């Protein structure tokens, strides 16, 4: 796994990420959907495994899940698992905070 810096720090990330609003980041050629919920930042594959729609266009619900805007498949931001197991789980990416920035594991 390679750690890639995505923000200069937690404060920078919180300043650029809106609560419960998915944001697309492209890191090492991978489309990644990043979501801030409370004090936690989640990162999952941006592509819905059902039909390929961008999850960063979706919505986040109260249960820490992202809802695909196309057909409504629901994925856990914590585990990547699709709620009804109708499609393959999403890939989840670890996030870590260091003194010089916020990193994602690719």
PDB file of N, CA and C in Angstrom:
ATOM      1  N   UNK A   1       0.848  -1.186   0.000  1.00  0.00           N
ATOM      2  CA  UNK A   1       0.000   0.000   0.000  1.00  0.00           C
ATOM      3  C   UNK A   1       0.885   1.238   0.000  1.00  0.00           C
ATOM      4  N   UNK A   2       0.467   2.213  -0.768  1.00  0.00           N
ATOM      5  CA  UNK A   2       1.185   3.478  -0.831  1.00  0.00           C
ATOM      6  C   UNK A   2       0.294   4.568  -0.229  1.00  0.00           C
ATOM      7  N   UNK A   3       0.866   5.400   0.637  1.00  0.00           N
ATOM      8  CA  UNK A   3       0.128   6.490   1.261  1.00  0.00           C
ATOM      9  C   UNK A   3       0.319   7.760   0.448  1.00  0.00           C
ATOM     10  N   UNK A   4      -0.796   8.360   0.029  1.00  0.00           N
ATOM     11  CA  UNK A   4      -0.781   9.563  -0.794  1.00  0.00           C
ATOM     12  C   UNK A   4      -1.410  10.714  -0.007  1.00  0.00           C
ATOM     13  N   UNK A   5      -0.739  11.846  -0.001  1.00  0.00           N
ATOM     14  CA  UNK A   5      -1.249  13.022   0.703  1.00  0.00           C
ATOM     15  C   UNK A   5      -2.410  13.622  -0.092  1.00  0.00           C
ATOM     16  N   UNK A   6      -3.546  13.815   0.585  1.00  0.00           N
ATOM     17  CA  UNK A   6      -4.708  14.379  -0.099  1.00  0.00           C
ATOM     18  C   UNK A   6      -5.105  15.764   0.432  1.00  0.00           C
ATOM     19  N   UNK A   7      -4.700  16.074   1.645  1.00  0.00           N
ATOM     20  CA  UNK A   7      -4.935  17.393   2.224  1.00  0.00           C
ATOM     21  C   UNK A   7      -3.740  17.752   3.091  1.00  0.00           C
ATOM     22  N   UNK A   8      -3.490  19.035   3.246  1.00  0.00           N
ATOM     23  CA  UNK A   8      -2.331  19.467   4.037  1.00  0.00           C
ATOM     24  C   UNK A   8      -2.527  19.240   5.531  1.00  0.00           C
ATOM     25  N   UNK A   9      -3.729  18.912   5.941  1.00  0.00           N
ATOM     26  CA  UNK A   9      -4.014  18.625   7.343  1.00  0.00           C
ATOM     27  C   UNK A   9      -5.497  18.389   7.554  1.00  0.00           C
ATOM     28  N   UNK A  10      -5.862  18.009   8.764  1.00  0.00           N
ATOM     29  CA  UNK A  10      -7.269  17.744   9.082  1.00  0.00           C
ATOM     30  C   UNK A  10      -8.094  19.015   8.948  1.00  0.00           C
ATOM     31  N   UNK A  11      -7.559  20.137   9.391  1.00  0.00           N
ATOM     32  CA  UNK A  11      -8.308  21.391   9.279  1.00  0.00           C
ATOM     33  C   UNK A  11      -8.557  21.749   7.816  1.00  0.00           C
ATOM     34  N   UNK A  12      -7.561  21.535   6.967  1.00  0.00           N
ATOM     35  CA  UNK A  12      -7.729  21.797   5.532  1.00  0.00           C
ATOM     36  C   UNK A  12      -8.797  20.889   4.946  1.00  0.00           C
ATOM     37  N   UNK A  13      -8.798  19.629   5.342  1.00  0.00           N
ATOM     38  CA  UNK A  13      -9.804  18.682   4.852  1.00  0.00           C
ATOM     39  C   UNK A  13     -11.196  19.105   5.303  1.00  0.00           C
ATOM     40  N   UNK A  14     -11.322  19.451   6.561  1.00  0.00           N
ATOM     41  CA  UNK A  14     -12.634  19.864   7.081  1.00  0.00           C
ATOM     42  C   UNK A  14     -13.115  21.157   6.425  1.00  0.00           C
ATOM     43  N   UNK A  15     -12.164  22.010   6.033  1.00  0.00           N
ATOM     44  CA  UNK A  15     -12.527  23.241   5.347  1.00  0.00           C
ATOM     45  C   UNK A  15     -12.995  23.011   3.919  1.00  0.00           C
ATOM     46  N   UNK A  16     -12.526  21.953   3.292  1.00  0.00           N
ATOM     47  CA  UNK A  16     -12.873  21.676   1.893  1.00  0.00           C
ATOM     48  C   UNK A  16     -13.981  20.647   1.732  1.00  0.00           C
ATOM     49  N   UNK A  17     -14.245  19.875   2.776  1.00  0.00           N
ATOM     50  CA  UNK A  17     -15.291  18.857   2.711  1.00  0.00           C
ATOM     51  C   UNK A  17     -16.519  19.339   3.485  1.00  0.00           C
ATOM     52  N   UNK A  18     -17.666  19.256   2.861  1.00  0.00           N
ATOM     53  CA  UNK A  18     -18.924  19.630   3.499  1.00  0.00           C
ATOM     54  C   UNK A  18     -19.529  18.391   4.146  1.00  0.00           C
ATOM     55  N   UNK A  19     -20.040  18.544   5.332  1.00  0.00           N
ATOM     56  CA  UNK A  19     -20.646  17.438   6.076  1.00  0.00           C
ATOM     57  C   UNK A  19     -21.664  16.683   5.216  1.00  0.00           C
ATOM     58  N   UNK A  20     -21.479  15.357   5.116  1.00  0.00           N
ATOM     59  CA  UNK A  20     -22.391  14.456   4.404  1.00  0.00           C
ATOM     60  C   UNK A  20     -22.562  14.757   2.916  1.00  0.00           C
ATOM     61  N   UNK A  21     -21.616  15.472   2.326  1.00  0.00           N
ATOM     62  CA  UNK A  21     -21.673  15.750   0.885  1.00  0.00           C
ATOM     63  C   UNK A  21     -20.497  15.045   0.212  1.00  0.00           C
ATOM     64  N   UNK A  22     -20.765  14.040  -0.623  1.00  0.00           N
ATOM     65  CA  UNK A  22     -19.682  13.310  -1.283  1.00  0.00           C
ATOM     66  C   UNK A  22     -18.852  14.219  -2.181  1.00  0.00           C
ATOM     67  N   UNK A  23     -17.559  13.935  -2.224  1.00  0.00           N
ATOM     68  CA  UNK A  23     -16.658  14.702  -3.079  1.00  0.00           C
ATOM     69  C   UNK A  23     -15.753  13.729  -3.834  1.00  0.00           C
ATOM     70  N   UNK A  24     -15.577  13.983  -5.107  1.00  0.00           N
ATOM     71  CA  UNK A  24     -14.717  13.152  -5.938  1.00  0.00           C
ATOM     72  C   UNK A  24     -13.275  13.624  -5.834  1.00  0.00           C
ATOM     73  N   UNK A  25     -12.372  12.671  -5.573  1.00  0.00           N
ATOM     74  CA  UNK A  25     -10.933  12.913  -5.662  1.00  0.00           C
ATOM     75  C   UNK A  25     -10.371  11.885  -6.627  1.00  0.00           C
ATOM     76  N   UNK A  26      -9.412  12.289  -7.444  1.00  0.00           N
ATOM     77  CA  UNK A  26      -8.702  11.347  -8.297  1.00  0.00           C
ATOM     78  C   UNK A  26      -7.291  11.248  -7.739  1.00  0.00           C
ATOM     79  N   UNK A  27      -6.951  10.042  -7.248  1.00  0.00           N
ATOM     80  CA  UNK A  27      -5.663   9.809  -6.604  1.00  0.00           C
ATOM     81  C   UNK A  27      -4.997   8.634  -7.299  1.00  0.00           C
ATOM     82  N   UNK A  28      -3.824   8.854  -7.837  1.00  0.00           N
ATOM     83  CA  UNK A  28      -3.093   7.809  -8.574  1.00  0.00           C
ATOM     84  C   UNK A  28      -3.964   7.162  -9.644  1.00  0.00           C
ATOM     85  N   UNK A  29      -4.770   7.971 -10.322  1.00  0.00           N
ATOM     86  CA  UNK A  29      -5.614   7.479 -11.400  1.00  0.00           C
ATOM     87  C   UNK A  29      -6.883   6.791 -10.945  1.00  0.00           C
ATOM     88  N   UNK A  30      -7.124   6.718  -9.630  1.00  0.00           N
ATOM     89  CA  UNK A  30      -8.332   6.070  -9.095  1.00  0.00           C
ATOM     90  C   UNK A  30      -9.352   7.137  -8.705  1.00  0.00           C
ATOM     91  N   UNK A  31     -10.602   6.888  -9.101  1.00  0.00           N
ATOM     92  CA  UNK A  31     -11.695   7.782  -8.719  1.00  0.00           C
ATOM     93  C   UNK A  31     -12.167   7.352  -7.335  1.00  0.00           C
ATOM     94  N   UNK A  32     -12.078   8.275  -6.381  1.00  0.00           N
ATOM     95  CA  UNK A  32     -12.402   7.970  -4.992  1.00  0.00           C
ATOM     96  C   UNK A  32     -13.438   8.973  -4.488  1.00  0.00           C
ATOM     97  N   UNK A  33     -14.450   8.442  -3.834  1.00  0.00           N
ATOM     98  CA  UNK A  33     -15.492   9.256  -3.225  1.00  0.00           C
ATOM     99  C   UNK A  33     -15.122   9.458  -1.754  1.00  0.00           C
ATOM    100  N   UNK A  34     -14.994  10.713  -1.347  1.00  0.00           N
ATOM    101  CA  UNK A  34     -14.614  11.052   0.021  1.00  0.00           C
ATOM    102  C   UNK A  34     -15.794  11.754   0.688  1.00  0.00           C
ATOM    103  N   UNK A  35     -16.082  11.334   1.931  1.00  0.00           N
ATOM    104  CA  UNK A  35     -17.207  11.901   2.681  1.00  0.00           C
ATOM    105  C   UNK A  35     -16.764  12.188   4.103  1.00  0.00           C
ATOM    106  N   UNK A  36     -17.090  13.393   4.573  1.00  0.00           N
ATOM    107  CA  UNK A  36     -16.876  13.735   5.979  1.00  0.00           C
ATOM    108  C   UNK A  36     -18.200  13.562   6.704  1.00  0.00           C
ATOM    109  N   UNK A  37     -18.157  12.767   7.775  1.00  0.00           N
ATOM    110  CA  UNK A  37     -19.355  12.597   8.609  1.00  0.00           C
ATOM    111  C   UNK A  37     -18.898  12.708  10.054  1.00  0.00           C
ATOM    112  N   UNK A  38     -19.293  13.785  10.693  1.00  0.00           N
ATOM    113  CA  UNK A  38     -18.821  14.049  12.049  1.00  0.00           C
ATOM    114  C   UNK A  38     -17.322  14.280  12.028  1.00  0.00           C
ATOM    115  N   UNK A  39     -16.598  13.601  12.905  1.00  0.00           N
ATOM    116  CA  UNK A  39     -15.146  13.744  12.972  1.00  0.00           C
ATOM    117  C   UNK A  39     -14.413  12.738  12.089  1.00  0.00           C
ATOM    118  N   UNK A  40     -15.151  11.956  11.315  1.00  0.00           N
ATOM    119  CA  UNK A  40     -14.547  10.894  10.515  1.00  0.00           C
ATOM    120  C   UNK A  40     -14.625  11.224   9.032  1.00  0.00           C
ATOM    121  N   UNK A  41     -13.554  10.892   8.324  1.00  0.00           N
ATOM    122  CA  UNK A  41     -13.524  11.035   6.876  1.00  0.00           C
ATOM    123  C   UNK A  41     -13.432   9.634   6.285  1.00  0.00           C
ATOM    124  N   UNK A  42     -14.364   9.322   5.396  1.00  0.00           N
ATOM    125  CA  UNK A  42     -14.435   8.013   4.753  1.00  0.00           C
ATOM    126  C   UNK A  42     -14.013   8.147   3.297  1.00  0.00           C
ATOM    127  N   UNK A  43     -13.439   7.080   2.752  1.00  0.00           N
ATOM    128  CA  UNK A  43     -13.058   7.056   1.339  1.00  0.00           C
ATOM    129  C   UNK A  43     -13.399   5.686   0.760  1.00  0.00           C
ATOM    130  N   UNK A  44     -14.188   5.694  -0.308  1.00  0.00           N
ATOM    131  CA  UNK A  44     -14.583   4.468  -1.001  1.00  0.00           C
ATOM    132  C   UNK A  44     -14.430   4.694  -2.505  1.00  0.00           C
ATOM    133  N   UNK A  45     -14.440   3.603  -3.244  1.00  0.00           N
ATOM    134  CA  UNK A  45     -14.419   3.699  -4.696  1.00  0.00           C
ATOM    135  C   UNK A  45     -15.589   4.566  -5.146  1.00  0.00           C
ATOM    136  N   UNK A  46     -15.359   5.413  -6.132  1.00  0.00           N
ATOM    137  CA  UNK A  46     -16.409   6.324  -6.599  1.00  0.00           C
ATOM    138  C   UNK A  46     -17.390   5.644  -7.548  1.00  0.00           C
ATOM    139  N   UNK A  47     -17.084   4.475  -8.039  1.00  0.00           N
ATOM    140  CA  UNK A  47     -17.906   3.818  -9.050  1.00  0.00           C
ATOM    141  C   UNK A  47     -18.853   2.798  -8.427  1.00  0.00           C
ATOM    142  N   UNK A  48     -20.156   2.992  -8.627  1.00  0.00           N
ATOM    143  CA  UNK A  48     -21.142   2.036  -8.145  1.00  0.00           C
ATOM    144  C   UNK A  48     -20.892   0.697  -8.833  1.00  0.00           C
ATOM    145  N   UNK A  49     -20.822  -0.360  -8.046  1.00  0.00           N
ATOM    146  CA  UNK A  49     -20.535  -1.680  -8.600  1.00  0.00           C
ATOM    147  C   UNK A  49     -21.742  -2.279  -9.326  1.00  0.00           C
ATOM    148  N   UNK A  50     -22.896  -1.660  -9.212  1.00  0.00           N
ATOM    149  CA  UNK A  50     -24.085  -2.158  -9.908  1.00  0.00           C
ATOM    150  C   UNK A  50     -24.082  -1.754 -11.379  1.00  0.00           C
ATOM    151  N   UNK A  51     -23.890  -0.443 -11.631  1.00  0.00           N
ATOM    152  CA  UNK A  51     -24.000   0.007 -13.023  1.00  0.00           C
ATOM    153  C   UNK A  51     -23.020   1.111 -13.388  1.00  0.00           C
ATOM    154  N   UNK A  52     -22.016   1.354 -12.540  1.00  0.00           N
ATOM    155  CA  UNK A  52     -20.926   2.252 -12.885  1.00  0.00           C
ATOM    156  C   UNK A  52     -21.136   3.738 -12.663  1.00  0.00           C
ATOM    157  N   UNK A  53     -22.239   4.147 -12.075  1.00  0.00           N
ATOM    158  CA  UNK A  53     -22.475   5.575 -11.836  1.00  0.00           C
ATOM    159  C   UNK A  53     -21.514   6.116 -10.787  1.00  0.00           C
ATOM    160  N   UNK A  54     -21.206   7.395 -10.866  1.00  0.00           N
ATOM    161  CA  UNK A  54     -20.325   8.058  -9.912  1.00  0.00           C
ATOM    162  C   UNK A  54     -21.064   8.272  -8.587  1.00  0.00           C
ATOM    163  N   UNK A  55     -20.536   7.680  -7.516  1.00  0.00           N
ATOM    164  CA  UNK A  55     -21.170   7.821  -6.202  1.00  0.00           C
ATOM    165  C   UNK A  55     -21.000   9.216  -5.626  1.00  0.00           C
ATOM    166  N   UNK A  56     -20.024   9.974  -6.113  1.00  0.00           N
ATOM    167  CA  UNK A  56     -19.860  11.340  -5.616  1.00  0.00           C
ATOM    168  C   UNK A  56     -21.033  12.228  -6.044  1.00  0.00           C
ATOM    169  N   UNK A  57     -21.876  11.742  -6.934  1.00  0.00           N
ATOM    170  CA  UNK A  57     -23.108  12.447  -7.315  1.00  0.00           C
ATOM    171  C   UNK A  57     -24.285  12.031  -6.422  1.00  0.00           C
ATOM    172  N   UNK A  58     -24.047  11.056  -5.548  1.00  0.00           N
ATOM    173  CA  UNK A  58     -25.107  10.517  -4.701  1.00  0.00           C
ATOM    174  C   UNK A  58     -25.319  11.305  -3.423  1.00  0.00           C
ATOM    175  N   UNK A  59     -26.074  10.712  -2.538  1.00  0.00           N
ATOM    176  CA  UNK A  59     -26.390  11.331  -1.245  1.00  0.00           C
ATOM    177  C   UNK A  59     -25.935  10.410  -0.122  1.00  0.00           C
ATOM    178  N   UNK A  60     -25.670  11.003   1.033  1.00  0.00           N
ATOM    179  CA  UNK A  60     -25.296  10.252   2.227  1.00  0.00           C
ATOM    180  C   UNK A  60     -26.478  10.296   3.186  1.00  0.00           C
ATOM    181  N   UNK A  61     -26.831   9.139   3.739  1.00  0.00           N
ATOM    182  CA  UNK A  61     -27.963   9.096   4.661  1.00  0.00           C
ATOM    183  C   UNK A  61     -27.480   9.122   6.122  1.00  0.00           C
ATOM    184  N   UNK A  62     -28.434   9.080   7.038  1.00  0.00           N
ATOM    185  CA  UNK A  62     -28.154   9.159   8.475  1.00  0.00           C
ATOM    186  C   UNK A  62     -27.406   7.937   9.009  1.00  0.00           C
ATOM    187  N   UNK A  63     -27.420   6.827   8.271  1.00  0.00           N
ATOM    188  CA  UNK A  63     -26.802   5.580   8.726  1.00  0.00           C
ATOM    189  C   UNK A  63     -25.373   5.397   8.211  1.00  0.00           C
ATOM    190  N   UNK A  64     -24.746   6.484   7.768  1.00  0.00           N
ATOM    191  CA  UNK A  64     -23.365   6.439   7.265  1.00  0.00           C
ATOM    192  C   UNK A  64     -23.271   5.564   6.013  1.00  0.00           C
ATOM    193  N   UNK A  65     -24.240   5.764   5.116  1.00  0.00           N
ATOM    194  CA  UNK A  65     -24.276   5.032   3.866  1.00  0.00           C
ATOM    195  C   UNK A  65     -24.389   6.021   2.712  1.00  0.00           C
ATOM    196  N   UNK A  66     -23.835   5.636   1.565  1.00  0.00           N
ATOM    197  CA  UNK A  66     -23.957   6.460   0.371  1.00  0.00           C
ATOM    198  C   UNK A  66     -24.936   5.786  -0.570  1.00  0.00           C
ATOM    199  N   UNK A  67     -25.818   6.591  -1.148  1.00  0.00           N
ATOM    200  CA  UNK A  67     -26.870   6.094  -2.023  1.00  0.00           C
ATOM    201  C   UNK A  67     -26.537   6.484  -3.459  1.00  0.00           C
ATOM    202  N   UNK A  68     -26.447   5.482  -4.333  1.00  0.00           N
ATOM    203  CA  UNK A  68     -26.161   5.732  -5.741  1.00  0.00           C
ATOM    204  C   UNK A  68     -27.309   6.532  -6.356  1.00  0.00           C
ATOM    205  N   UNK A  69     -26.987   7.592  -7.107  1.00  0.00           N
ATOM    206  CA  UNK A  69     -28.045   8.425  -7.681  1.00  0.00           C
ATOM    207  C   UNK A  69     -28.791   7.762  -8.838  1.00  0.00           C
ATOM    208  N   UNK A  70     -28.264   6.696  -9.384  1.00  0.00           N
ATOM    209  CA  UNK A  70     -28.873   6.094 -10.558  1.00  0.00           C
ATOM    210  C   UNK A  70     -29.980   5.101 -10.204  1.00  0.00           C
ATOM    211  N   UNK A  71     -29.640   4.040  -9.475  1.00  0.00           N
ATOM    212  CA  UNK A  71     -30.633   3.012  -9.160  1.00  0.00           C
ATOM    213  C   UNK A  71     -30.863   2.822  -7.660  1.00  0.00           C
ATOM    214  N   UNK A  72     -30.259   3.683  -6.830  1.00  0.00           N
ATOM    215  CA  UNK A  72     -30.543   3.653  -5.401  1.00  0.00           C
ATOM    216  C   UNK A  72     -29.851   2.570  -4.599  1.00  0.00           C
ATOM    217  N   UNK A  73     -28.820   1.948  -5.160  1.00  0.00           N
ATOM    218  CA  UNK A  73     -28.081   0.976  -4.346  1.00  0.00           C
ATOM    219  C   UNK A  73     -27.406   1.728  -3.202  1.00  0.00           C
ATOM    220  N   UNK A  74     -27.390   1.112  -2.031  1.00  0.00           N
ATOM    221  CA  UNK A  74     -26.920   1.761  -0.809  1.00  0.00           C
ATOM    222  C   UNK A  74     -25.687   1.019  -0.297  1.00  0.00           C
ATOM    223  N   UNK A  75     -24.598   1.759  -0.080  1.00  0.00           N
ATOM    224  CA  UNK A  75     -23.336   1.178   0.352  1.00  0.00           C
ATOM    225  C   UNK A  75     -22.888   1.792   1.678  1.00  0.00           C
ATOM    226  N   UNK A  76     -22.389   0.960   2.575  1.00  0.00           N
ATOM    227  CA  UNK A  76     -21.829   1.439   3.836  1.00  0.00           C
ATOM    228  C   UNK A  76     -20.517   2.161   3.566  1.00  0.00           C
ATOM    229  N   UNK A  77     -20.368   3.352   4.122  1.00  0.00           N
ATOM    230  CA  UNK A  77     -19.098   4.071   4.005  1.00  0.00           C
ATOM    231  C   UNK A  77     -18.027   3.432   4.879  1.00  0.00           C
ATOM    232  N   UNK A  78     -18.443   2.690   5.896  1.00  0.00           N
ATOM    233  CA  UNK A  78     -17.493   2.047   6.813  1.00  0.00           C
ATOM    234  C   UNK A  78     -16.923   0.758   6.239  1.00  0.00           C
ATOM    235  N   UNK A  79     -17.761  -0.021   5.556  1.00  0.00           N
ATOM    236  CA  UNK A  79     -17.337  -1.351   5.088  1.00  0.00           C
ATOM    237  C   UNK A  79     -17.364  -1.525   3.578  1.00  0.00           C
ATOM    238  N   UNK A  80     -18.084  -0.655   2.863  1.00  0.00           N
ATOM    239  CA  UNK A  80     -18.244  -0.783   1.424  1.00  0.00           C
ATOM    240  C   UNK A  80     -19.347  -1.740   1.016  1.00  0.00           C
ATOM    241  N   UNK A  81     -19.968  -2.391   1.970  1.00  0.00           N
ATOM    242  CA  UNK A  81     -20.973  -3.417   1.692  1.00  0.00           C
ATOM    243  C   UNK A  81     -22.281  -2.795   1.188  1.00  0.00           C
ATOM    244  N   UNK A  82     -22.843  -3.400   0.148  1.00  0.00           N
ATOM    245  CA  UNK A  82     -24.125  -2.955  -0.389  1.00  0.00           C
ATOM    246  C   UNK A  82     -25.225  -3.458   0.533  1.00  0.00           C
ATOM    247  N   UNK A  83     -26.115  -2.588   0.910  1.00  0.00           N
ATOM    248  CA  UNK A  83     -27.139  -2.843   1.921  1.00  0.00           C
ATOM    249  C   UNK A  83     -27.905  -4.146   1.715  1.00  0.00           C
ATOM    250  N   UNK A  84     -28.380  -4.391   0.510  1.00  0.00           N
ATOM    251  CA  UNK A  84     -29.175  -5.590   0.243  1.00  0.00           C
ATOM    252  C   UNK A  84     -28.370  -6.683  -0.447  1.00  0.00           C
ATOM    253  N   UNK A  85     -27.076  -6.500  -0.549  1.00  0.00           N
ATOM    254  CA  UNK A  85     -26.162  -7.456  -1.181  1.00  0.00           C
ATOM    255  C   UNK A  85     -26.585  -7.781  -2.613  1.00  0.00           C
ATOM    256  N   UNK A  86     -27.042  -6.747  -3.334  1.00  0.00           N
ATOM    257  CA  UNK A  86     -27.450  -6.907  -4.732  1.00  0.00           C
ATOM    258  C   UNK A  86     -26.277  -6.750  -5.684  1.00  0.00           C
ATOM    259  N   UNK A  87     -25.179  -6.181  -5.192  1.00  0.00           N
ATOM    260  CA  UNK A  87     -24.004  -5.961  -6.033  1.00  0.00           C
ATOM    261  C   UNK A  87     -22.741  -6.101  -5.191  1.00  0.00           C
ATOM    262  N   UNK A  88     -21.625  -6.134  -5.853  1.00  0.00           N
ATOM    263  CA  UNK A  88     -20.328  -6.302  -5.210  1.00  0.00           C
ATOM    264  C   UNK A  88     -20.039  -5.129  -4.274  1.00  0.00           C
ATOM    265  N   UNK A  89     -19.341  -5.401  -3.199  1.00  0.00           N
ATOM    266  CA  UNK A  89     -18.967  -4.347  -2.248  1.00  0.00           C
ATOM    267  C   UNK A  89     -18.014  -3.350  -2.896  1.00  0.00           C
ATOM    268  N   UNK A  90     -18.014  -2.142  -2.369  1.00  0.00           N
ATOM    269  CA  UNK A  90     -17.074  -1.110  -2.803  1.00  0.00           C
ATOM    270  C   UNK A  90     -15.718  -1.338  -2.152  1.00  0.00           C
ATOM    271  N   UNK A  91     -14.687  -0.855  -2.802  1.00  0.00           N
ATOM    272  CA  UNK A  91     -13.368  -0.859  -2.180  1.00  0.00           C
ATOM    273  C   UNK A  91     -13.299   0.331  -1.225  1.00  0.00           C
ATOM    274  N   UNK A  92     -12.830   0.083  -0.003  1.00  0.00           N
ATOM    275  CA  UNK A  92     -12.649   1.140   0.992  1.00  0.00           C
ATOM    276  C   UNK A  92     -11.169   1.470   1.081  1.00  0.00           C
ATOM    277  N   UNK A  93     -10.878   2.726   1.291  1.00  0.00           N
ATOM    278  CA  UNK A  93      -9.496   3.181   1.400  1.00  0.00           C
ATOM    279  C   UNK A  93      -9.255   3.759   2.790  1.00  0.00           C
ATOM    280  N   UNK A  94      -8.183   3.331   3.446  1.00  0.00           N
ATOM    281  CA  UNK A  94      -7.897   3.871   4.778  1.00  0.00           C
ATOM    282  C   UNK A  94      -7.414   5.320   4.704  1.00  0.00           C
ATOM    283  N   UNK A  95      -7.757   6.067   5.723  1.00  0.00           N
ATOM    284  CA  UNK A  95      -7.332   7.463   5.871  1.00  0.00           C
ATOM    285  C   UNK A  95      -6.515   7.548   7.151  1.00  0.00           C
ATOM    286  N   UNK A  96      -5.398   8.271   7.094  1.00  0.00           N
ATOM    287  CA  UNK A  96      -4.633   8.491   8.324  1.00  0.00           C
ATOM    288  C   UNK A  96      -4.164   9.932   8.394  1.00  0.00           C
ATOM    289  N   UNK A  97      -4.082  10.404   9.628  1.00  0.00           N
ATOM    290  CA  UNK A  97      -3.629  11.766   9.898  1.00  0.00           C
ATOM    291  C   UNK A  97      -2.178  11.718  10.356  1.00  0.00           C
ATOM    292  N   UNK A  98      -1.350  12.544   9.736  1.00  0.00           N
ATOM    293  CA  UNK A  98       0.040  12.719  10.137  1.00  0.00           C
ATOM    294  C   UNK A  98       0.240  14.200  10.459  1.00  0.00           C
ATOM    295  N   UNK A  99       1.367  14.532  11.039  1.00  0.00           N
ATOM    296  CA  UNK A  99       1.611  15.931  11.399  1.00  0.00           C
ATOM    297  C   UNK A  99       1.676  16.841  10.177  1.00  0.00           C
ATOM    298  N   UNK A 100       2.036  16.295   9.017  1.00  0.00           N
ATOM    299  CA  UNK A 100       2.166  17.133   7.821  1.00  0.00           C
ATOM    300  C   UNK A 100       0.998  17.004   6.860  1.00  0.00           C
ATOM    301  N   UNK A 101      -0.054  16.245   7.210  1.00  0.00           N
ATOM    302  CA  UNK A 101      -1.187  16.156   6.308  1.00  0.00           C
ATOM    303  C   UNK A 101      -2.089  14.961   6.550  1.00  0.00           C
ATOM    304  N   UNK A 102      -3.105  14.870   5.697  1.00  0.00           N
ATOM    305  CA  UNK A 102      -4.058  13.766   5.716  1.00  0.00           C
ATOM    306  C   UNK A 102      -3.749  12.883   4.513  1.00  0.00           C
ATOM    307  N   UNK A 103      -3.643  11.575   4.750  1.00  0.00           N
ATOM    308  CA  UNK A 103      -3.213  10.641   3.721  1.00  0.00           C
ATOM    309  C   UNK A 103      -4.267   9.571   3.469  1.00  0.00           C
ATOM    310  N   UNK A 104      -4.255   9.054   2.247  1.00  0.00           N
ATOM    311  CA  UNK A 104      -5.116   7.927   1.875  1.00  0.00           C
ATOM    312  C   UNK A 104      -4.230   6.774   1.413  1.00  0.00           C
ATOM    313  N   UNK A 105      -4.599   5.577   1.809  1.00  0.00           N
ATOM    314  CA  UNK A 105      -3.846   4.385   1.416  1.00  0.00           C
ATOM    315  C   UNK A 105      -4.374   3.816   0.112  1.00  0.00           C
ATOM    316  N   UNK A 106      -3.498   3.755  -0.868  1.00  0.00           N
ATOM    317  CA  UNK A 106      -3.873   3.231  -2.203  1.00  0.00           C
ATOM    318  C   UNK A 106      -3.132   1.918  -2.426  1.00  0.00           C
TER     319      UNK A 106
END
